Amino acid sequence: MTSSKHNLAIHKWGNLKALVEFANMGDTTERWLAFQKRWPDVFPTEFYADSENELRRNAQRAKEPMRSKDAPWIYAMTSRGIAQRRSRPAGEGTWIDYAEPRILLLRDTLRRAWAGGPDAGRCMEELLGLRPFPGESLDDPSSGVSVDWHRASLAFSPRNEFEAACYALLQKSQLAKYCTNPECPAPYFVAKRAIQRYCSPDCLKPFQRQAKLDWWNRKGKARRSNRMKERLRNGQKKAK
């Protein structure tokens, strides 16, 4: 029988695999549904339906732009309370009310955290439910952080599979990488070593070939020329 610690480790790595796919997920609903099919426990079914509905509402809003000198604030009642957002410019003093579908908001926030920039910590706090997203209030005022007195530390209790996956990523943040290959179709990955720069050998091979070619252009031709000169000198000495 496997230990509870072993099961927990498998559970965390399973979450990380799902999170890698989520970070690399495309913008279309087809990509969302493919992710849902592979990882049905990460988000509830209504999460995808709500995101698709938001896309349709955005398309409808785009047909009715608002006229104003400045970007107007939009206030809306959501399941998380009152949310506010600025409208998007549509040209010639008009603005469009656009609400980011929840699935894309989470994905893009995860990407910013994954990139490790100056706002990575804030993004992870939003994903873990410790801080509200811009323009929102916390949907659950109770924090997922509690005090573990006996271990003299703070403990985080994820409320769902997605928060559990994000917490697993936080614990391995040094291994959260972005593939250096600019043509990589899935650049967000979890490395095996902190110094790893490419997600796979396939992404590394073109740069290895280029590195060898650059080396040859810098030093290889000169070495070959020197060897040829040395052979000529040796041949002239033998002829004498």
C-alpha atoms as a PDB file:
ATOM      1  CA  MET A   1       0.000   0.000   0.000  1.00  0.00           C
ATOM      2  CA  THR A   2       1.366   3.408  -0.905  1.00  0.00           C
ATOM      3  CA  SER A   3       1.831   6.030   1.767  1.00  0.00           C
ATOM      4  CA  SER A   4      -0.272   9.185   2.034  1.00  0.00           C
ATOM      5  CA  LYS A   5       2.844  11.272   1.317  1.00  0.00           C
ATOM      6  CA  HIS A   6       3.417   9.335  -1.899  1.00  0.00           C
ATOM      7  CA  ASN A   7      -0.203   9.848  -2.955  1.00  0.00           C
ATOM      8  CA  LEU A   8       0.092  13.563  -2.201  1.00  0.00           C
ATOM      9  CA  ALA A   9       3.237  13.833  -4.349  1.00  0.00           C
ATOM     10  CA  ILE A  10       1.478  12.130  -7.274  1.00  0.00           C
ATOM     11  CA  HIS A  11      -1.534  14.391  -6.799  1.00  0.00           C
ATOM     12  CA  LYS A  12       0.637  17.517  -6.906  1.00  0.00           C
ATOM     13  CA  TRP A  13       2.516  16.446 -10.020  1.00  0.00           C
ATOM     14  CA  GLY A  14      -0.778  15.576 -11.702  1.00  0.00           C
ATOM     15  CA  ASN A  15      -1.967  19.093 -10.939  1.00  0.00           C
ATOM     16  CA  LEU A  16       1.230  20.533 -12.380  1.00  0.00           C
ATOM     17  CA  LYS A  17       0.743  18.635 -15.628  1.00  0.00           C
ATOM     18  CA  ALA A  18      -2.742  20.100 -15.887  1.00  0.00           C
ATOM     19  CA  LEU A  19      -1.417  23.558 -15.070  1.00  0.00           C
ATOM     20  CA  VAL A  20       1.229  23.318 -17.814  1.00  0.00           C
ATOM     21  CA  GLU A  21      -1.486  22.513 -20.346  1.00  0.00           C
ATOM     22  CA  PHE A  22      -3.682  25.317 -19.017  1.00  0.00           C
ATOM     23  CA  ALA A  23      -0.877  27.902 -19.312  1.00  0.00           C
ATOM     24  CA  ASN A  24      -0.268  26.810 -22.914  1.00  0.00           C
ATOM     25  CA  MET A  25      -3.974  26.642 -23.790  1.00  0.00           C
ATOM     26  CA  GLY A  26      -5.177  28.647 -26.799  1.00  0.00           C
ATOM     27  CA  ASP A  27      -7.840  31.361 -26.947  1.00  0.00           C
ATOM     28  CA  THR A  28     -10.621  29.467 -28.733  1.00  0.00           C
ATOM     29  CA  THR A  29     -13.486  27.595 -27.108  1.00  0.00           C
ATOM     30  CA  GLU A  30     -12.314  24.434 -28.896  1.00  0.00           C
ATOM     31  CA  ARG A  31      -9.076  24.620 -26.904  1.00  0.00           C
ATOM     32  CA  TRP A  32     -11.012  25.157 -23.685  1.00  0.00           C
ATOM     33  CA  LEU A  33     -13.219  22.134 -24.294  1.00  0.00           C
ATOM     34  CA  ALA A  34     -10.191  19.976 -25.121  1.00  0.00           C
ATOM     35  CA  PHE A  35      -8.655  20.991 -21.795  1.00  0.00           C
ATOM     36  CA  GLN A  36     -11.918  20.269 -19.993  1.00  0.00           C
ATOM     37  CA  LYS A  37     -12.039  16.795 -21.544  1.00  0.00           C
ATOM     38  CA  ARG A  38      -8.500  15.970 -20.409  1.00  0.00           C
ATOM     39  CA  TRP A  39      -8.810  17.544 -16.955  1.00  0.00           C
ATOM     40  CA  PRO A  40     -12.494  17.514 -15.945  1.00  0.00           C
ATOM     41  CA  ASP A  41     -11.807  18.075 -12.240  1.00  0.00           C
ATOM     42  CA  VAL A  42      -9.844  21.343 -12.497  1.00  0.00           C
ATOM     43  CA  PHE A  43     -12.876  23.577 -13.135  1.00  0.00           C
ATOM     44  CA  PRO A  44     -16.627  22.946 -12.830  1.00  0.00           C
ATOM     45  CA  THR A  45     -18.628  22.579 -16.038  1.00  0.00           C
ATOM     46  CA  GLU A  46     -20.430  25.899 -15.563  1.00  0.00           C
ATOM     47  CA  PHE A  47     -17.055  27.669 -15.543  1.00  0.00           C
ATOM     48  CA  TYR A  48     -16.596  26.911 -19.247  1.00  0.00           C
ATOM     49  CA  ALA A  49     -20.209  27.775 -20.077  1.00  0.00           C
ATOM     50  CA  ASP A  50     -19.903  31.138 -18.296  1.00  0.00           C
ATOM     51  CA  SER A  51     -16.711  31.936 -20.204  1.00  0.00           C
ATOM     52  CA  GLU A  52     -18.341  31.098 -23.542  1.00  0.00           C
ATOM     53  CA  ASN A  53     -21.353  33.230 -22.649  1.00  0.00           C
ATOM     54  CA  GLU A  54     -19.042  36.136 -21.824  1.00  0.00           C
ATOM     55  CA  LEU A  55     -17.519  35.871 -25.288  1.00  0.00           C
ATOM     56  CA  ARG A  56     -20.990  36.119 -26.837  1.00  0.00           C
ATOM     57  CA  ARG A  57     -21.870  39.097 -24.638  1.00  0.00           C
ATOM     58  CA  ASN A  58     -18.639  40.829 -25.684  1.00  0.00           C
ATOM     59  CA  ALA A  59     -19.547  40.327 -29.341  1.00  0.00           C
ATOM     60  CA  GLN A  60     -22.961  41.866 -28.700  1.00  0.00           C
ATOM     61  CA  ARG A  61     -21.492  44.791 -26.742  1.00  0.00           C
ATOM     62  CA  ALA A  62     -19.094  45.533 -29.598  1.00  0.00           C
ATOM     63  CA  LYS A  63     -22.109  46.321 -31.792  1.00  0.00           C
ATOM     64  CA  GLU A  64     -23.143  49.126 -29.422  1.00  0.00           C
ATOM     65  CA  PRO A  65     -20.067  51.267 -28.645  1.00  0.00           C
ATOM     66  CA  MET A  66     -20.372  54.077 -26.087  1.00  0.00           C
ATOM     67  CA  ARG A  67     -19.395  57.675 -26.840  1.00  0.00           C
ATOM     68  CA  SER A  68     -17.305  59.505 -24.244  1.00  0.00           C
ATOM     69  CA  LYS A  69     -14.185  61.654 -23.940  1.00  0.00           C
ATOM     70  CA  ASP A  70     -12.665  59.291 -21.373  1.00  0.00           C
ATOM     71  CA  ALA A  71     -12.868  55.555 -20.895  1.00  0.00           C
ATOM     72  CA  PRO A  72     -16.012  55.019 -18.811  1.00  0.00           C
ATOM     73  CA  TRP A  73     -16.069  52.666 -15.849  1.00  0.00           C
ATOM     74  CA  ILE A  74     -18.399  49.691 -16.094  1.00  0.00           C
ATOM     75  CA  TYR A  75     -19.969  48.265 -12.933  1.00  0.00           C
ATOM     76  CA  ALA A  76     -21.542  44.827 -12.973  1.00  0.00           C
ATOM     77  CA  MET A  77     -22.967  42.459 -10.385  1.00  0.00           C
ATOM     78  CA  THR A  78     -21.320  39.047 -10.516  1.00  0.00           C
ATOM     79  CA  SER A  79     -21.317  35.924  -8.372  1.00  0.00           C
ATOM     80  CA  ARG A  80     -18.239  37.417  -6.684  1.00  0.00           C
ATOM     81  CA  GLY A  81     -19.926  40.731  -5.878  1.00  0.00           C
ATOM     82  CA  ILE A  82     -19.715  44.055  -7.704  1.00  0.00           C
ATOM     83  CA  ALA A  83     -16.957  44.157 -10.326  1.00  0.00           C
ATOM     84  CA  GLN A  84     -15.689  47.249 -12.104  1.00  0.00           C
ATOM     85  CA  ARG A  85     -13.662  47.573 -15.287  1.00  0.00           C
ATOM     86  CA  ARG A  86     -12.694  50.198 -17.827  1.00  0.00           C
ATOM     87  CA  SER A  87     -14.114  49.954 -21.320  1.00  0.00           C
ATOM     88  CA  ARG A  88     -11.846  49.448 -24.317  1.00  0.00           C
ATOM     89  CA  PRO A  89     -11.213  52.119 -26.995  1.00  0.00           C
ATOM     90  CA  ALA A  90     -13.019  51.646 -30.285  1.00  0.00           C
ATOM     91  CA  GLY A  91     -11.793  54.799 -32.066  1.00  0.00           C
ATOM     92  CA  GLU A  92     -13.197  58.280 -32.655  1.00  0.00           C
ATOM     93  CA  GLY A  93     -14.156  58.834 -29.028  1.00  0.00           C
ATOM     94  CA  THR A  94     -16.102  55.574 -28.667  1.00  0.00           C
ATOM     95  CA  TRP A  95     -15.592  52.755 -26.182  1.00  0.00           C
ATOM     96  CA  ILE A  96     -16.621  49.119 -25.964  1.00  0.00           C
ATOM     97  CA  ASP A  97     -17.627  47.321 -22.804  1.00  0.00           C
ATOM     98  CA  TYR A  98     -15.461  44.195 -22.711  1.00  0.00           C
ATOM     99  CA  ALA A  99     -15.291  41.659 -19.872  1.00  0.00           C
ATOM    100  CA  GLU A 100     -12.427  39.160 -19.933  1.00  0.00           C
ATOM    101  CA  PRO A 101     -13.808  35.598 -19.921  1.00  0.00           C
ATOM    102  CA  ARG A 102     -12.881  34.025 -16.603  1.00  0.00           C
ATOM    103  CA  ILE A 103     -10.933  31.201 -18.176  1.00  0.00           C
ATOM    104  CA  LEU A 104      -8.689  33.649 -20.077  1.00  0.00           C
ATOM    105  CA  LEU A 105      -8.288  35.882 -17.025  1.00  0.00           C
ATOM    106  CA  LEU A 106      -6.980  32.936 -15.001  1.00  0.00           C
ATOM    107  CA  ARG A 107      -4.773  31.689 -17.833  1.00  0.00           C
ATOM    108  CA  ASP A 108      -3.195  35.097 -18.507  1.00  0.00           C
ATOM    109  CA  THR A 109      -2.667  35.746 -14.781  1.00  0.00           C
ATOM    110  CA  LEU A 110      -0.997  32.338 -14.507  1.00  0.00           C
ATOM    111  CA  ARG A 111       1.264  33.192 -17.457  1.00  0.00           C
ATOM    112  CA  ARG A 112       2.396  36.422 -15.785  1.00  0.00           C
ATOM    113  CA  ALA A 113       3.145  34.566 -12.559  1.00  0.00           C
ATOM    114  CA  TRP A 114       4.975  31.838 -14.515  1.00  0.00           C
ATOM    115  CA  ALA A 115       7.167  34.433 -16.248  1.00  0.00           C
ATOM    116  CA  GLY A 116       8.501  35.477 -12.832  1.00  0.00           C
ATOM    117  CA  GLY A 117       8.333  39.223 -13.440  1.00  0.00           C
ATOM    118  CA  PRO A 118       7.954  41.927 -10.784  1.00  0.00           C
ATOM    119  CA  ASP A 119       4.227  41.235 -10.378  1.00  0.00           C
ATOM    120  CA  ALA A 120       4.555  37.429 -10.187  1.00  0.00           C
ATOM    121  CA  GLY A 121       3.856  37.378  -6.444  1.00  0.00           C
ATOM    122  CA  ARG A 122       0.723  39.490  -6.783  1.00  0.00           C
ATOM    123  CA  CYS A 123      -0.535  37.312  -9.639  1.00  0.00           C
ATOM    124  CA  MET A 124      -0.051  34.153  -7.592  1.00  0.00           C
ATOM    125  CA  GLU A 125      -1.898  35.725  -4.668  1.00  0.00           C
ATOM    126  CA  GLU A 126      -4.831  36.389  -7.006  1.00  0.00           C
ATOM    127  CA  LEU A 127      -4.776  32.801  -8.291  1.00  0.00           C
ATOM    128  CA  LEU A 128      -4.691  31.413  -4.740  1.00  0.00           C
ATOM    129  CA  GLY A 129      -7.628  33.560  -3.691  1.00  0.00           C
ATOM    130  CA  LEU A 130      -5.550  35.597  -1.243  1.00  0.00           C
ATOM    131  CA  ARG A 131      -6.040  38.857  -3.152  1.00  0.00           C
ATOM    132  CA  PRO A 132      -8.927  39.991  -5.381  1.00  0.00           C
ATOM    133  CA  PHE A 133      -8.414  40.424  -9.104  1.00  0.00           C
ATOM    134  CA  PRO A 134      -8.314  44.083 -10.224  1.00  0.00           C
ATOM    135  CA  GLY A 135     -11.772  45.611  -9.988  1.00  0.00           C
ATOM    136  CA  GLU A 136     -13.193  42.725  -7.956  1.00  0.00           C
ATOM    137  CA  SER A 137     -13.774  41.821  -4.353  1.00  0.00           C
ATOM    138  CA  LEU A 138     -12.830  38.482  -2.810  1.00  0.00           C
ATOM    139  CA  ASP A 139     -15.592  35.947  -3.477  1.00  0.00           C
ATOM    140  CA  ASP A 140     -14.786  34.244  -0.180  1.00  0.00           C
ATOM    141  CA  PRO A 141     -13.621  36.540   2.642  1.00  0.00           C
ATOM    142  CA  SER A 142     -12.183  33.589   4.561  1.00  0.00           C
ATOM    143  CA  SER A 143      -8.502  33.213   3.784  1.00  0.00           C
ATOM    144  CA  GLY A 144      -6.968  29.904   2.746  1.00  0.00           C
ATOM    145  CA  VAL A 145      -4.044  30.626   5.049  1.00  0.00           C
ATOM    146  CA  SER A 146      -4.039  29.304   8.611  1.00  0.00           C
ATOM    147  CA  VAL A 147      -1.527  29.110  11.439  1.00  0.00           C
ATOM    148  CA  ASP A 148       0.177  25.788  12.176  1.00  0.00           C
ATOM    149  CA  TRP A 149       1.247  26.421  15.760  1.00  0.00           C
ATOM    150  CA  HIS A 150       3.144  23.163  16.255  1.00  0.00           C
ATOM    151  CA  ARG A 151       5.258  23.666  13.114  1.00  0.00           C
ATOM    152  CA  ALA A 152       5.622  27.405  13.790  1.00  0.00           C
ATOM    153  CA  SER A 153       4.515  28.231  10.256  1.00  0.00           C
ATOM    154  CA  LEU A 154       1.625  29.244   8.040  1.00  0.00           C
ATOM    155  CA  ALA A 155      -0.333  26.610   6.122  1.00  0.00           C
ATOM    156  CA  PHE A 156      -2.316  27.056   2.918  1.00  0.00           C
ATOM    157  CA  SER A 157      -5.512  25.067   2.345  1.00  0.00           C
ATOM    158  CA  PRO A 158      -6.607  25.123  -1.326  1.00  0.00           C
ATOM    159  CA  ARG A 159     -10.358  25.311  -1.862  1.00  0.00           C
ATOM    160  CA  ASN A 160     -10.374  23.619  -5.260  1.00  0.00           C
ATOM    161  CA  GLU A 161      -8.203  21.723  -7.758  1.00  0.00           C
ATOM    162  CA  PHE A 162      -7.015  24.853  -9.516  1.00  0.00           C
ATOM    163  CA  GLU A 163      -5.755  26.492  -6.301  1.00  0.00           C
ATOM    164  CA  ALA A 164      -4.068  23.204  -5.371  1.00  0.00           C
ATOM    165  CA  ALA A 165      -2.282  23.200  -8.748  1.00  0.00           C
ATOM    166  CA  CYS A 166      -1.192  26.834  -8.369  1.00  0.00           C
ATOM    167  CA  TYR A 167       0.111  26.137  -4.863  1.00  0.00           C
ATOM    168  CA  ALA A 168       2.068  23.147  -6.192  1.00  0.00           C
ATOM    169  CA  LEU A 169       3.591  25.437  -8.830  1.00  0.00           C
ATOM    170  CA  LEU A 170       4.474  28.028  -6.189  1.00  0.00           C
ATOM    171  CA  GLN A 171       6.390  25.381  -4.253  1.00  0.00           C
ATOM    172  CA  LYS A 172       8.420  24.655  -7.404  1.00  0.00           C
ATOM    173  CA  SER A 173       8.605  28.231  -8.698  1.00  0.00           C
ATOM    174  CA  GLN A 174      12.329  27.934  -9.508  1.00  0.00           C
ATOM    175  CA  LEU A 175      11.424  25.219 -12.024  1.00  0.00           C
ATOM    176  CA  ALA A 176       8.642  27.211 -13.707  1.00  0.00           C
ATOM    177  CA  LYS A 177      10.236  28.109 -17.045  1.00  0.00           C
ATOM    178  CA  TYR A 178       9.456  29.693 -20.400  1.00  0.00           C
ATOM    179  CA  CYS A 179      11.087  27.906 -23.337  1.00  0.00           C
ATOM    180  CA  THR A 180      13.845  29.944 -24.986  1.00  0.00           C
ATOM    181  CA  ASN A 181      12.870  28.694 -28.448  1.00  0.00           C
ATOM    182  CA  PRO A 182      10.727  31.553 -29.870  1.00  0.00           C
ATOM    183  CA  GLU A 183       8.881  29.084 -32.115  1.00  0.00           C
ATOM    184  CA  CYS A 184       7.923  26.689 -29.306  1.00  0.00           C
ATOM    185  CA  PRO A 185       4.169  25.953 -29.528  1.00  0.00           C
ATOM    186  CA  ALA A 186       3.889  25.311 -25.767  1.00  0.00           C
ATOM    187  CA  PRO A 187       6.579  27.445 -24.091  1.00  0.00           C
ATOM    188  CA  TYR A 188       5.360  27.206 -20.465  1.00  0.00           C
ATOM    189  CA  PHE A 189       6.878  24.146 -18.791  1.00  0.00           C
ATOM    190  CA  VAL A 190       8.169  22.744 -15.500  1.00  0.00           C
ATOM    191  CA  ALA A 191      11.894  22.062 -15.787  1.00  0.00           C
ATOM    192  CA  LYS A 192      13.795  19.169 -14.242  1.00  0.00           C
ATOM    193  CA  ARG A 193      16.704  21.486 -13.353  1.00  0.00           C
ATOM    194  CA  ALA A 194      16.743  25.183 -12.540  1.00  0.00           C
ATOM    195  CA  ILE A 195      19.285  25.876 -15.326  1.00  0.00           C
ATOM    196  CA  GLN A 196      17.141  24.234 -18.027  1.00  0.00           C
ATOM    197  CA  ARG A 197      16.226  26.695 -20.796  1.00  0.00           C
ATOM    198  CA  TYR A 198      14.410  24.524 -23.360  1.00  0.00           C
ATOM    199  CA  CYS A 199      11.299  22.459 -22.759  1.00  0.00           C
ATOM    200  CA  SER A 200      12.405  19.490 -24.884  1.00  0.00           C
ATOM    201  CA  PRO A 201      15.262  18.153 -27.052  1.00  0.00           C
ATOM    202  CA  ASP A 202      13.230  19.089 -30.132  1.00  0.00           C
ATOM    203  CA  CYS A 203      13.367  22.757 -29.133  1.00  0.00           C
ATOM    204  CA  LEU A 204      17.056  22.514 -28.288  1.00  0.00           C
ATOM    205  CA  LYS A 205      18.318  20.808 -31.475  1.00  0.00           C
ATOM    206  CA  PRO A 206      18.080  23.818 -33.847  1.00  0.00           C
ATOM    207  CA  PHE A 207      20.117  25.926 -31.419  1.00  0.00           C
ATOM    208  CA  GLN A 208      22.707  23.176 -30.984  1.00  0.00           C
ATOM    209  CA  ARG A 209      23.163  23.057 -34.758  1.00  0.00           C
ATOM    210  CA  GLN A 210      23.429  26.833 -34.918  1.00  0.00           C
ATOM    211  CA  ALA A 211      25.947  26.850 -32.061  1.00  0.00           C
ATOM    212  CA  LYS A 212      28.120  24.314 -33.904  1.00  0.00           C
ATOM    213  CA  LEU A 213      27.895  26.345 -37.100  1.00  0.00           C
ATOM    214  CA  ASP A 214      28.836  29.539 -35.240  1.00  0.00           C
ATOM    215  CA  TRP A 215      31.805  27.750 -33.657  1.00  0.00           C
ATOM    216  CA  TRP A 216      32.946  26.505 -37.039  1.00  0.00           C
ATOM    217  CA  ASN A 217      32.660  29.979 -38.524  1.00  0.00           C
ATOM    218  CA  ARG A 218      34.692  31.440 -35.646  1.00  0.00           C
ATOM    219  CA  LYS A 219      37.357  28.785 -35.087  1.00  0.00           C
ATOM    220  CA  GLY A 220      36.862  25.734 -37.267  1.00  0.00           C
ATOM    221  CA  LYS A 221      37.960  27.302 -40.556  1.00  0.00           C
ATOM    222  CA  ALA A 222      41.043  28.832 -38.942  1.00  0.00           C
ATOM    223  CA  ARG A 223      42.045  25.482 -37.417  1.00  0.00           C
ATOM    224  CA  ARG A 224      41.607  23.721 -40.736  1.00  0.00           C
ATOM    225  CA  SER A 225      43.676  26.383 -42.479  1.00  0.00           C
ATOM    226  CA  ASN A 226      46.442  26.019 -39.867  1.00  0.00           C
ATOM    227  CA  ARG A 227      46.461  22.240 -40.293  1.00  0.00           C
ATOM    228  CA  MET A 228      46.788  22.628 -44.067  1.00  0.00           C
ATOM    229  CA  LYS A 229      49.693  25.059 -43.639  1.00  0.00           C
ATOM    230  CA  GLU A 230      51.393  22.661 -41.225  1.00  0.00           C
ATOM    231  CA  ARG A 231      51.065  19.799 -43.702  1.00  0.00           C
ATOM    232  CA  LEU A 232      52.557  21.940 -46.472  1.00  0.00           C
ATOM    233  CA  ARG A 233      55.526  22.891 -44.270  1.00  0.00           C
ATOM    234  CA  ASN A 234      56.093  19.218 -43.333  1.00  0.00           C
ATOM    235  CA  GLY A 235      55.887  18.220 -46.984  1.00  0.00           C
ATOM    236  CA  GLN A 236      58.442  20.866 -47.991  1.00  0.00           C
ATOM    237  CA  LYS A 237      60.827  19.699 -45.254  1.00  0.00           C
ATOM    238  CA  LYS A 238      60.597  16.081 -46.435  1.00  0.00           C
ATOM    239  CA  ALA A 239      61.203  17.148 -50.054  1.00  0.00           C
ATOM    240  CA  LYS A 240      64.430  18.844 -49.008  1.00  0.00           C
END
